[in-house]
Amino acid sequence: MKIDTKTLYTNYQIDKITHQNLKGDDKKLKDQTNAFEALILKFFLDTSLKLDDPLYPKQAGTEIYQSMYKDVLSKELSGSFGYSELLFNFLKEQQVGK
């Protein structure tokens, strides 16, 4: 299985540029939707990345380091998968409709 990292990186760069151009409440809303997407991604990473290696015994603190790694990874990837933008656009429509 080959992962297309070029598309992911391009989406990441576009999101960073878009986020820099937002102002005021829109920037705060985008930060919150990115944080929500990071939470979803952390759940996905916790489920999919079972980093247990049966050849080596567990070291003290391994679970803490793995959790920290997944947390940072989810925060860095948030904003580029589409959940954040979908939620941001939905909330903006709800705000305009009121």
PDB file of N, CA and C in Angstrom:
ATOM      1  N   MET A   1       0.844  -1.178   0.000  1.00  0.00           N
ATOM      2  CA  MET A   1       0.000   0.000   0.000  1.00  0.00           C
ATOM      3  C   MET A   1       0.889   1.240   0.000  1.00  0.00           C
ATOM      4  N   LYS A   2       0.647   2.121  -0.947  1.00  0.00           N
ATOM      5  CA  LYS A   2       1.436   3.336  -1.055  1.00  0.00           C
ATOM      6  C   LYS A   2       0.593   4.525  -0.591  1.00  0.00           C
ATOM      7  N   ILE A   3       1.157   5.346   0.252  1.00  0.00           N
ATOM      8  CA  ILE A   3       0.458   6.514   0.773  1.00  0.00           C
ATOM      9  C   ILE A   3       0.914   7.739  -0.008  1.00  0.00           C
ATOM     10  N   ASP A   4      -0.042   8.520  -0.479  1.00  0.00           N
ATOM     11  CA  ASP A   4       0.268   9.721  -1.255  1.00  0.00           C
ATOM     12  C   ASP A   4       0.535  10.880  -0.299  1.00  0.00           C
ATOM     13  N   THR A   5       1.775  11.041   0.089  1.00  0.00           N
ATOM     14  CA  THR A   5       2.131  12.085   1.046  1.00  0.00           C
ATOM     15  C   THR A   5       2.170  13.460   0.400  1.00  0.00           C
ATOM     16  N   LYS A   6       2.338  13.506  -0.908  1.00  0.00           N
ATOM     17  CA  LYS A   6       2.391  14.797  -1.602  1.00  0.00           C
ATOM     18  C   LYS A   6       1.053  15.530  -1.479  1.00  0.00           C
ATOM     19  N   THR A   7      -0.047  14.808  -1.677  1.00  0.00           N
ATOM     20  CA  THR A   7      -1.379  15.414  -1.552  1.00  0.00           C
ATOM     21  C   THR A   7      -1.631  15.856  -0.117  1.00  0.00           C
ATOM     22  N   LEU A   8      -1.257  15.035   0.835  1.00  0.00           N
ATOM     23  CA  LEU A   8      -1.442  15.374   2.239  1.00  0.00           C
ATOM     24  C   LEU A   8      -0.646  16.625   2.602  1.00  0.00           C
ATOM     25  N   TYR A   9       0.596  16.693   2.133  1.00  0.00           N
ATOM     26  CA  TYR A   9       1.437  17.857   2.420  1.00  0.00           C
ATOM     27  C   TYR A   9       0.871  19.118   1.759  1.00  0.00           C
ATOM     28  N   THR A  10       0.366  18.981   0.538  1.00  0.00           N
ATOM     29  CA  THR A  10      -0.227  20.124  -0.168  1.00  0.00           C
ATOM     30  C   THR A  10      -1.435  20.640   0.596  1.00  0.00           C
ATOM     31  N   ASN A  11      -2.306  19.743   1.040  1.00  0.00           N
ATOM     32  CA  ASN A  11      -3.478  20.142   1.827  1.00  0.00           C
ATOM     33  C   ASN A  11      -3.065  20.805   3.131  1.00  0.00           C
ATOM     34  N   TYR A  12      -2.010  20.303   3.743  1.00  0.00           N
ATOM     35  CA  TYR A  12      -1.492  20.875   4.983  1.00  0.00           C
ATOM     36  C   TYR A  12      -1.026  22.311   4.750  1.00  0.00           C
ATOM     37  N   GLN A  13      -0.300  22.551   3.668  1.00  0.00           N
ATOM     38  CA  GLN A  13       0.200  23.884   3.357  1.00  0.00           C
ATOM     39  C   GLN A  13      -0.940  24.845   3.039  1.00  0.00           C
ATOM     40  N   ILE A  14      -1.937  24.382   2.287  1.00  0.00           N
ATOM     41  CA  ILE A  14      -3.089  25.216   1.945  1.00  0.00           C
ATOM     42  C   ILE A  14      -3.834  25.618   3.209  1.00  0.00           C
ATOM     43  N   ASP A  15      -4.009  24.671   4.130  1.00  0.00           N
ATOM     44  CA  ASP A  15      -4.714  24.980   5.371  1.00  0.00           C
ATOM     45  C   ASP A  15      -3.948  26.000   6.207  1.00  0.00           C
ATOM     46  N   LYS A  16      -2.632  25.886   6.257  1.00  0.00           N
ATOM     47  CA  LYS A  16      -1.833  26.836   7.032  1.00  0.00           C
ATOM     48  C   LYS A  16      -1.951  28.244   6.453  1.00  0.00           C
ATOM     49  N   ILE A  17      -1.936  28.368   5.130  1.00  0.00           N
ATOM     50  CA  ILE A  17      -2.066  29.681   4.485  1.00  0.00           C
ATOM     51  C   ILE A  17      -3.459  30.248   4.729  1.00  0.00           C
ATOM     52  N   THR A  18      -4.479  29.404   4.580  1.00  0.00           N
ATOM     53  CA  THR A  18      -5.860  29.842   4.805  1.00  0.00           C
ATOM     54  C   THR A  18      -6.050  30.295   6.247  1.00  0.00           C
ATOM     55  N   HIS A  19      -5.482  29.560   7.185  1.00  0.00           N
ATOM     56  CA  HIS A  19      -5.617  29.894   8.606  1.00  0.00           C
ATOM     57  C   HIS A  19      -4.965  31.235   8.916  1.00  0.00           C
ATOM     58  N   GLN A  20      -3.864  31.547   8.256  1.00  0.00           N
ATOM     59  CA  GLN A  20      -3.175  32.819   8.494  1.00  0.00           C
ATOM     60  C   GLN A  20      -3.993  33.996   7.978  1.00  0.00           C
ATOM     61  N   ASN A  21      -4.835  33.783   6.969  1.00  0.00           N
ATOM     62  CA  ASN A  21      -5.617  34.862   6.380  1.00  0.00           C
ATOM     63  C   ASN A  21      -6.922  35.140   7.133  1.00  0.00           C
ATOM     64  N   LEU A  22      -7.292  34.275   8.069  1.00  0.00           N
ATOM     65  CA  LEU A  22      -8.516  34.493   8.838  1.00  0.00           C
ATOM     66  C   LEU A  22      -8.300  35.575   9.881  1.00  0.00           C
ATOM     67  N   LYS A  23      -9.396  36.207  10.273  1.00  0.00           N
ATOM     68  CA  LYS A  23      -9.312  37.282  11.263  1.00  0.00           C
ATOM     69  C   LYS A  23     -10.333  37.062  12.378  1.00  0.00           C
ATOM     70  N   GLY A  24      -9.989  37.500  13.567  1.00  0.00           N
ATOM     71  CA  GLY A  24     -10.902  37.562  14.708  1.00  0.00           C
ATOM     72  C   GLY A  24     -11.593  36.268  15.056  1.00  0.00           C
ATOM     73  N   ASP A  25     -12.935  36.323  15.048  1.00  0.00           N
ATOM     74  CA  ASP A  25     -13.746  35.178  15.461  1.00  0.00           C
ATOM     75  C   ASP A  25     -13.581  33.988  14.525  1.00  0.00           C
ATOM     76  N   ASP A  26     -13.357  34.258  13.236  1.00  0.00           N
ATOM     77  CA  ASP A  26     -13.154  33.155  12.302  1.00  0.00           C
ATOM     78  C   ASP A  26     -11.896  32.367  12.642  1.00  0.00           C
ATOM     79  N   LYS A  27     -10.852  33.070  13.065  1.00  0.00           N
ATOM     80  CA  LYS A  27      -9.608  32.403  13.439  1.00  0.00           C
ATOM     81  C   LYS A  27      -9.818  31.548  14.694  1.00  0.00           C
ATOM     82  N   LYS A  28     -10.571  32.082  15.652  1.00  0.00           N
ATOM     83  CA  LYS A  28     -10.859  31.321  16.877  1.00  0.00           C
ATOM     84  C   LYS A  28     -11.699  30.093  16.564  1.00  0.00           C
ATOM     85  N   LEU A  29     -12.691  30.258  15.677  1.00  0.00           N
ATOM     86  CA  LEU A  29     -13.539  29.132  15.289  1.00  0.00           C
ATOM     87  C   LEU A  29     -12.713  28.075  14.571  1.00  0.00           C
ATOM     88  N   LYS A  30     -11.815  28.483  13.691  1.00  0.00           N
ATOM     89  CA  LYS A  30     -10.967  27.539  12.959  1.00  0.00           C
ATOM     90  C   LYS A  30     -10.037  26.806  13.919  1.00  0.00           C
ATOM     91  N   ASP A  31      -9.523  27.505  14.931  1.00  0.00           N
ATOM     92  CA  ASP A  31      -8.689  26.851  15.942  1.00  0.00           C
ATOM     93  C   ASP A  31      -9.472  25.764  16.668  1.00  0.00           C
ATOM     94  N   GLN A  32     -10.722  26.056  16.991  1.00  0.00           N
ATOM     95  CA  GLN A  32     -11.546  25.081  17.702  1.00  0.00           C
ATOM     96  C   GLN A  32     -11.918  23.892  16.818  1.00  0.00           C
ATOM     97  N   THR A  33     -12.218  24.157  15.551  1.00  0.00           N
ATOM     98  CA  THR A  33     -12.546  23.039  14.658  1.00  0.00           C
ATOM     99  C   THR A  33     -11.298  22.191  14.391  1.00  0.00           C
ATOM    100  N   ASN A  34     -10.130  22.824  14.326  1.00  0.00           N
ATOM    101  CA  ASN A  34      -8.885  22.058  14.198  1.00  0.00           C
ATOM    102  C   ASN A  34      -8.632  21.211  15.439  1.00  0.00           C
ATOM    103  N   ALA A  35      -8.938  21.760  16.614  1.00  0.00           N
ATOM    104  CA  ALA A  35      -8.765  21.003  17.857  1.00  0.00           C
ATOM    105  C   ALA A  35      -9.714  19.809  17.900  1.00  0.00           C
ATOM    106  N   PHE A  36     -10.936  19.997  17.393  1.00  0.00           N
ATOM    107  CA  PHE A  36     -11.888  18.883  17.342  1.00  0.00           C
ATOM    108  C   PHE A  36     -11.397  17.810  16.378  1.00  0.00           C
ATOM    109  N   GLU A  37     -10.864  18.236  15.219  1.00  0.00           N
ATOM    110  CA  GLU A  37     -10.330  17.272  14.266  1.00  0.00           C
ATOM    111  C   GLU A  37      -9.132  16.536  14.866  1.00  0.00           C
ATOM    112  N   ALA A  38      -8.309  17.235  15.640  1.00  0.00           N
ATOM    113  CA  ALA A  38      -7.173  16.594  16.305  1.00  0.00           C
ATOM    114  C   ALA A  38      -7.650  15.520  17.274  1.00  0.00           C
ATOM    115  N   LEU A  39      -8.754  15.780  17.953  1.00  0.00           N
ATOM    116  CA  LEU A  39      -9.325  14.795  18.870  1.00  0.00           C
ATOM    117  C   LEU A  39      -9.777  13.544  18.115  1.00  0.00           C
ATOM    118  N   ILE A  40     -10.426  13.743  16.975  1.00  0.00           N
ATOM    119  CA  ILE A  40     -10.862  12.609  16.157  1.00  0.00           C
ATOM    120  C   ILE A  40      -9.644  11.833  15.650  1.00  0.00           C
ATOM    121  N   LEU A  41      -8.638  12.554  15.168  1.00  0.00           N
ATOM    122  CA  LEU A  41      -7.439  11.888  14.665  1.00  0.00           C
ATOM    123  C   LEU A  41      -6.702  11.134  15.766  1.00  0.00           C
ATOM    124  N   LYS A  42      -6.685  11.677  16.972  1.00  0.00           N
ATOM    125  CA  LYS A  42      -6.045  10.993  18.104  1.00  0.00           C
ATOM    126  C   LYS A  42      -6.756   9.671  18.375  1.00  0.00           C
ATOM    127  N   PHE A  43      -8.086   9.689  18.291  1.00  0.00           N
ATOM    128  CA  PHE A  43      -8.843   8.450  18.471  1.00  0.00           C
ATOM    129  C   PHE A  43      -8.479   7.438  17.386  1.00  0.00           C
ATOM    130  N   PHE A  44      -8.409   7.898  16.132  1.00  0.00           N
ATOM    131  CA  PHE A  44      -8.040   7.011  15.026  1.00  0.00           C
ATOM    132  C   PHE A  44      -6.632   6.451  15.222  1.00  0.00           C
ATOM    133  N   LEU A  45      -5.702   7.312  15.628  1.00  0.00           N
ATOM    134  CA  LEU A  45      -4.325   6.863  15.828  1.00  0.00           C
ATOM    135  C   LEU A  45      -4.220   5.882  16.990  1.00  0.00           C
ATOM    136  N   ASP A  46      -4.947   6.130  18.063  1.00  0.00           N
ATOM    137  CA  ASP A  46      -4.936   5.205  19.197  1.00  0.00           C
ATOM    138  C   ASP A  46      -5.443   3.829  18.785  1.00  0.00           C
ATOM    139  N   THR A  47      -6.463   3.833  17.915  1.00  0.00           N
ATOM    140  CA  THR A  47      -7.051   2.571  17.475  1.00  0.00           C
ATOM    141  C   THR A  47      -6.147   1.850  16.475  1.00  0.00           C
ATOM    142  N   SER A  48      -5.570   2.598  15.551  1.00  0.00           N
ATOM    143  CA  SER A  48      -4.837   1.961  14.462  1.00  0.00           C
ATOM    144  C   SER A  48      -3.360   1.704  14.754  1.00  0.00           C
ATOM    145  N   LEU A  49      -2.734   2.532  15.570  1.00  0.00           N
ATOM    146  CA  LEU A  49      -1.307   2.362  15.852  1.00  0.00           C
ATOM    147  C   LEU A  49      -1.092   1.642  17.178  1.00  0.00           C
ATOM    148  N   LYS A  50      -1.279   0.391  17.146  1.00  0.00           N
ATOM    149  CA  LYS A  50      -0.954  -0.412  18.322  1.00  0.00           C
ATOM    150  C   LYS A  50       0.532  -0.724  18.239  1.00  0.00           C
ATOM    151  N   LEU A  51       1.322  -0.002  18.997  1.00  0.00           N
ATOM    152  CA  LEU A  51       2.772  -0.075  18.884  1.00  0.00           C
ATOM    153  C   LEU A  51       3.385  -1.129  19.811  1.00  0.00           C
ATOM    154  N   ASP A  52       2.650  -2.175  20.099  1.00  0.00           N
ATOM    155  CA  ASP A  52       3.179  -3.244  20.932  1.00  0.00           C
ATOM    156  C   ASP A  52       4.101  -4.129  20.097  1.00  0.00           C
ATOM    157  N   ASP A  53       5.270  -4.390  20.612  1.00  0.00           N
ATOM    158  CA  ASP A  53       6.217  -5.258  19.925  1.00  0.00           C
ATOM    159  C   ASP A  53       6.434  -6.487  20.792  1.00  0.00           C
ATOM    160  N   PRO A  54       6.003  -7.642  20.322  1.00  0.00           N
ATOM    161  CA  PRO A  54       6.126  -8.844  21.157  1.00  0.00           C
ATOM    162  C   PRO A  54       7.570  -9.303  21.361  1.00  0.00           C
ATOM    163  N   LEU A  55       8.502  -8.802  20.563  1.00  0.00           N
ATOM    164  CA  LEU A  55       9.897  -9.233  20.694  1.00  0.00           C
ATOM    165  C   LEU A  55      10.618  -8.552  21.852  1.00  0.00           C
ATOM    166  N   TYR A  56      10.142  -7.394  22.233  1.00  0.00           N
ATOM    167  CA  TYR A  56      10.802  -6.649  23.298  1.00  0.00           C
ATOM    168  C   TYR A  56       9.839  -6.437  24.457  1.00  0.00           C
ATOM    169  N   PRO A  57      10.326  -6.568  25.672  1.00  0.00           N
ATOM    170  CA  PRO A  57       9.452  -6.308  26.818  1.00  0.00           C
ATOM    171  C   PRO A  57       9.123  -4.819  26.919  1.00  0.00           C
ATOM    172  N   LYS A  58       8.013  -4.525  27.564  1.00  0.00           N
ATOM    173  CA  LYS A  58       7.618  -3.123  27.732  1.00  0.00           C
ATOM    174  C   LYS A  58       8.585  -2.416  28.666  1.00  0.00           C
ATOM    175  N   GLN A  59       8.975  -1.225  28.254  1.00  0.00           N
ATOM    176  CA  GLN A  59       9.834  -0.383  29.074  1.00  0.00           C
ATOM    177  C   GLN A  59       8.960   0.519  29.940  1.00  0.00           C
ATOM    178  N   ALA A  60       9.520   0.977  31.036  1.00  0.00           N
ATOM    179  CA  ALA A  60       8.794   1.907  31.897  1.00  0.00           C
ATOM    180  C   ALA A  60       8.553   3.212  31.135  1.00  0.00           C
ATOM    181  N   GLY A  61       7.334   3.672  31.098  1.00  0.00           N
ATOM    182  CA  GLY A  61       7.007   4.929  30.439  1.00  0.00           C
ATOM    183  C   GLY A  61       6.727   4.824  28.954  1.00  0.00           C
ATOM    184  N   THR A  62       6.755   3.629  28.408  1.00  0.00           N
ATOM    185  CA  THR A  62       6.527   3.455  26.969  1.00  0.00           C
ATOM    186  C   THR A  62       5.161   3.970  26.563  1.00  0.00           C
ATOM    187  N   GLU A  63       4.152   3.646  27.336  1.00  0.00           N
ATOM    188  CA  GLU A  63       2.794   4.087  27.010  1.00  0.00           C
ATOM    189  C   GLU A  63       2.680   5.610  27.034  1.00  0.00           C
ATOM    190  N   ILE A  64       3.386   6.248  27.933  1.00  0.00           N
ATOM    191  CA  ILE A  64       3.352   7.711  28.022  1.00  0.00           C
ATOM    192  C   ILE A  64       3.973   8.324  26.773  1.00  0.00           C
ATOM    193  N   TYR A  65       5.134   7.811  26.370  1.00  0.00           N
ATOM    194  CA  TYR A  65       5.791   8.344  25.177  1.00  0.00           C
ATOM    195  C   TYR A  65       4.965   8.099  23.921  1.00  0.00           C
ATOM    196  N   GLN A  66       4.362   6.916  23.817  1.00  0.00           N
ATOM    197  CA  GLN A  66       3.530   6.618  22.654  1.00  0.00           C
ATOM    198  C   GLN A  66       2.307   7.537  22.616  1.00  0.00           C
ATOM    199  N   SER A  67       1.706   7.789  23.757  1.00  0.00           N
ATOM    200  CA  SER A  67       0.559   8.686  23.825  1.00  0.00           C
ATOM    201  C   SER A  67       0.951  10.107  23.447  1.00  0.00           C
ATOM    202  N   MET A  68       2.100  10.551  23.936  1.00  0.00           N
ATOM    203  CA  MET A  68       2.584  11.892  23.597  1.00  0.00           C
ATOM    204  C   MET A  68       2.863  11.999  22.096  1.00  0.00           C
ATOM    205  N   TYR A  69       3.452  10.958  21.519  1.00  0.00           N
ATOM    206  CA  TYR A  69       3.743  10.938  20.091  1.00  0.00           C
ATOM    207  C   TYR A  69       2.450  11.038  19.276  1.00  0.00           C
ATOM    208  N   LYS A  70       1.457  10.255  19.639  1.00  0.00           N
ATOM    209  CA  LYS A  70       0.182  10.273  18.920  1.00  0.00           C
ATOM    210  C   LYS A  70      -0.533  11.610  19.093  1.00  0.00           C
ATOM    211  N   ASP A  71      -0.407  12.207  20.259  1.00  0.00           N
ATOM    212  CA  ASP A  71      -1.032  13.507  20.515  1.00  0.00           C
ATOM    213  C   ASP A  71      -0.425  14.595  19.630  1.00  0.00           C
ATOM    214  N   VAL A  72       0.889  14.645  19.564  1.00  0.00           N
ATOM    215  CA  VAL A  72       1.569  15.644  18.734  1.00  0.00           C
ATOM    216  C   VAL A  72       1.272  15.389  17.260  1.00  0.00           C
ATOM    217  N   LEU A  73       1.279  14.140  16.856  1.00  0.00           N
ATOM    218  CA  LEU A  73       0.989  13.795  15.467  1.00  0.00           C
ATOM    219  C   LEU A  73      -0.419  14.214  15.079  1.00  0.00           C
ATOM    220  N   SER A  74      -1.383  13.978  15.946  1.00  0.00           N
ATOM    221  CA  SER A  74      -2.767  14.356  15.642  1.00  0.00           C
ATOM    222  C   SER A  74      -2.930  15.873  15.562  1.00  0.00           C
ATOM    223  N   LYS A  75      -2.232  16.611  16.416  1.00  0.00           N
ATOM    224  CA  LYS A  75      -2.317  18.079  16.366  1.00  0.00           C
ATOM    225  C   LYS A  75      -1.680  18.633  15.102  1.00  0.00           C
ATOM    226  N   GLU A  76      -0.577  18.043  14.668  1.00  0.00           N
ATOM    227  CA  GLU A  76       0.084  18.507  13.456  1.00  0.00           C
ATOM    228  C   GLU A  76      -0.726  18.171  12.208  1.00  0.00           C
ATOM    229  N   LEU A  77      -1.420  17.058  12.221  1.00  0.00           N
ATOM    230  CA  LEU A  77      -2.207  16.649  11.053  1.00  0.00           C
ATOM    231  C   LEU A  77      -3.578  17.305  11.005  1.00  0.00           C
ATOM    232  N   SER A  78      -4.042  17.852  12.116  1.00  0.00           N
ATOM    233  CA  SER A  78      -5.387  18.429  12.140  1.00  0.00           C
ATOM    234  C   SER A  78      -5.474  19.622  11.203  1.00  0.00           C
ATOM    235  N   GLY A  79      -6.616  19.741  10.571  1.00  0.00           N
ATOM    236  CA  GLY A  79      -6.837  20.818   9.622  1.00  0.00           C
ATOM    237  C   GLY A  79      -6.616  20.420   8.190  1.00  0.00           C
ATOM    238  N   SER A  80      -6.032  19.248   7.965  1.00  0.00           N
ATOM    239  CA  SER A  80      -5.730  18.853   6.593  1.00  0.00           C
ATOM    240  C   SER A  80      -6.513  17.633   6.124  1.00  0.00           C
ATOM    241  N   PHE A  81      -7.365  17.078   6.964  1.00  0.00           N
ATOM    242  CA  PHE A  81      -8.131  15.908   6.568  1.00  0.00           C
ATOM    243  C   PHE A  81      -9.535  16.246   6.073  1.00  0.00           C
ATOM    244  N   GLY A  82     -10.008  17.431   6.349  1.00  0.00           N
ATOM    245  CA  GLY A  82     -11.310  17.850   5.840  1.00  0.00           C
ATOM    246  C   GLY A  82     -12.404  17.945   6.882  1.00  0.00           C
ATOM    247  N   TYR A  83     -12.266  17.245   8.009  1.00  0.00           N
ATOM    248  CA  TYR A  83     -13.293  17.318   9.048  1.00  0.00           C
ATOM    249  C   TYR A  83     -13.400  18.736   9.602  1.00  0.00           C
ATOM    250  N   SER A  84     -12.266  19.346   9.806  1.00  0.00           N
ATOM    251  CA  SER A  84     -12.227  20.695  10.364  1.00  0.00           C
ATOM    252  C   SER A  84     -12.890  21.700   9.426  1.00  0.00           C
ATOM    253  N   GLU A  85     -12.559  21.616   8.156  1.00  0.00           N
ATOM    254  CA  GLU A  85     -13.136  22.553   7.193  1.00  0.00           C
ATOM    255  C   GLU A  85     -14.637  22.335   7.046  1.00  0.00           C
ATOM    256  N   LEU A  86     -15.058  21.082   7.028  1.00  0.00           N
ATOM    257  CA  LEU A  86     -16.485  20.761   6.937  1.00  0.00           C
ATOM    258  C   LEU A  86     -17.242  21.347   8.122  1.00  0.00           C
ATOM    259  N   LEU A  87     -16.721  21.144   9.321  1.00  0.00           N
ATOM    260  CA  LEU A  87     -17.356  21.674  10.526  1.00  0.00           C
ATOM    261  C   LEU A  87     -17.313  23.195  10.549  1.00  0.00           C
ATOM    262  N   PHE A  88     -16.188  23.796  10.139  1.00  0.00           N
ATOM    263  CA  PHE A  88     -16.054  25.245  10.092  1.00  0.00           C
ATOM    264  C   PHE A  88     -17.109  25.854   9.162  1.00  0.00           C
ATOM    265  N   ASN A  89     -17.233  25.296   7.955  1.00  0.00           N
ATOM    266  CA  ASN A  89     -18.217  25.813   6.989  1.00  0.00           C
ATOM    267  C   ASN A  89     -19.642  25.649   7.497  1.00  0.00           C
ATOM    268  N   PHE A  90     -19.927  24.515   8.135  1.00  0.00           N
ATOM    269  CA  PHE A  90     -21.268  24.285   8.684  1.00  0.00           C
ATOM    270  C   PHE A  90     -21.587  25.311   9.772  1.00  0.00           C
ATOM    271  N   LEU A  91     -20.650  25.534  10.663  1.00  0.00           N
ATOM    272  CA  LEU A  91     -20.880  26.490  11.756  1.00  0.00           C
ATOM    273  C   LEU A  91     -20.991  27.927  11.242  1.00  0.00           C
ATOM    274  N   LYS A  92     -20.236  28.268  10.211  1.00  0.00           N
ATOM    275  CA  LYS A  92     -20.337  29.604   9.614  1.00  0.00           C
ATOM    276  C   LYS A  92     -21.717  29.794   8.976  1.00  0.00           C
ATOM    277  N   GLU A  93     -22.248  28.757   8.305  1.00  0.00           N
ATOM    278  CA  GLU A  93     -23.592  28.841   7.723  1.00  0.00           C
ATOM    279  C   GLU A  93     -24.648  29.012   8.814  1.00  0.00           C
ATOM    280  N   GLN A  94     -24.471  28.302   9.920  1.00  0.00           N
ATOM    281  CA  GLN A  94     -25.415  28.418  11.030  1.00  0.00           C
ATOM    282  C   GLN A  94     -25.363  29.827  11.628  1.00  0.00           C
ATOM    283  N   GLN A  95     -24.175  30.408  11.686  1.00  0.00           N
ATOM    284  CA  GLN A  95     -24.007  31.748  12.246  1.00  0.00           C
ATOM    285  C   GLN A  95     -24.640  32.786  11.340  1.00  0.00           C
ATOM    286  N   VAL A  96     -24.487  32.645  10.029  1.00  0.00           N
ATOM    287  CA  VAL A  96     -25.055  33.602   9.082  1.00  0.00           C
ATOM    288  C   VAL A  96     -26.573  33.480   9.049  1.00  0.00           C
ATOM    289  N   GLY A  97     -27.079  32.281   9.232  1.00  0.00           N
ATOM    290  CA  GLY A  97     -28.516  32.049   9.193  1.00  0.00           C
ATOM    291  C   GLY A  97     -29.263  32.671  10.353  1.00  0.00           C
ATOM    292  N   LYS A  98     -28.584  33.020  11.426  1.00  0.00           N
ATOM    293  CA  LYS A  98     -29.262  33.574  12.610  1.00  0.00           C
ATOM    294  C   LYS A  98     -29.450  35.057  12.494  1.00  0.00           C
TER     295      LYS A  98
END
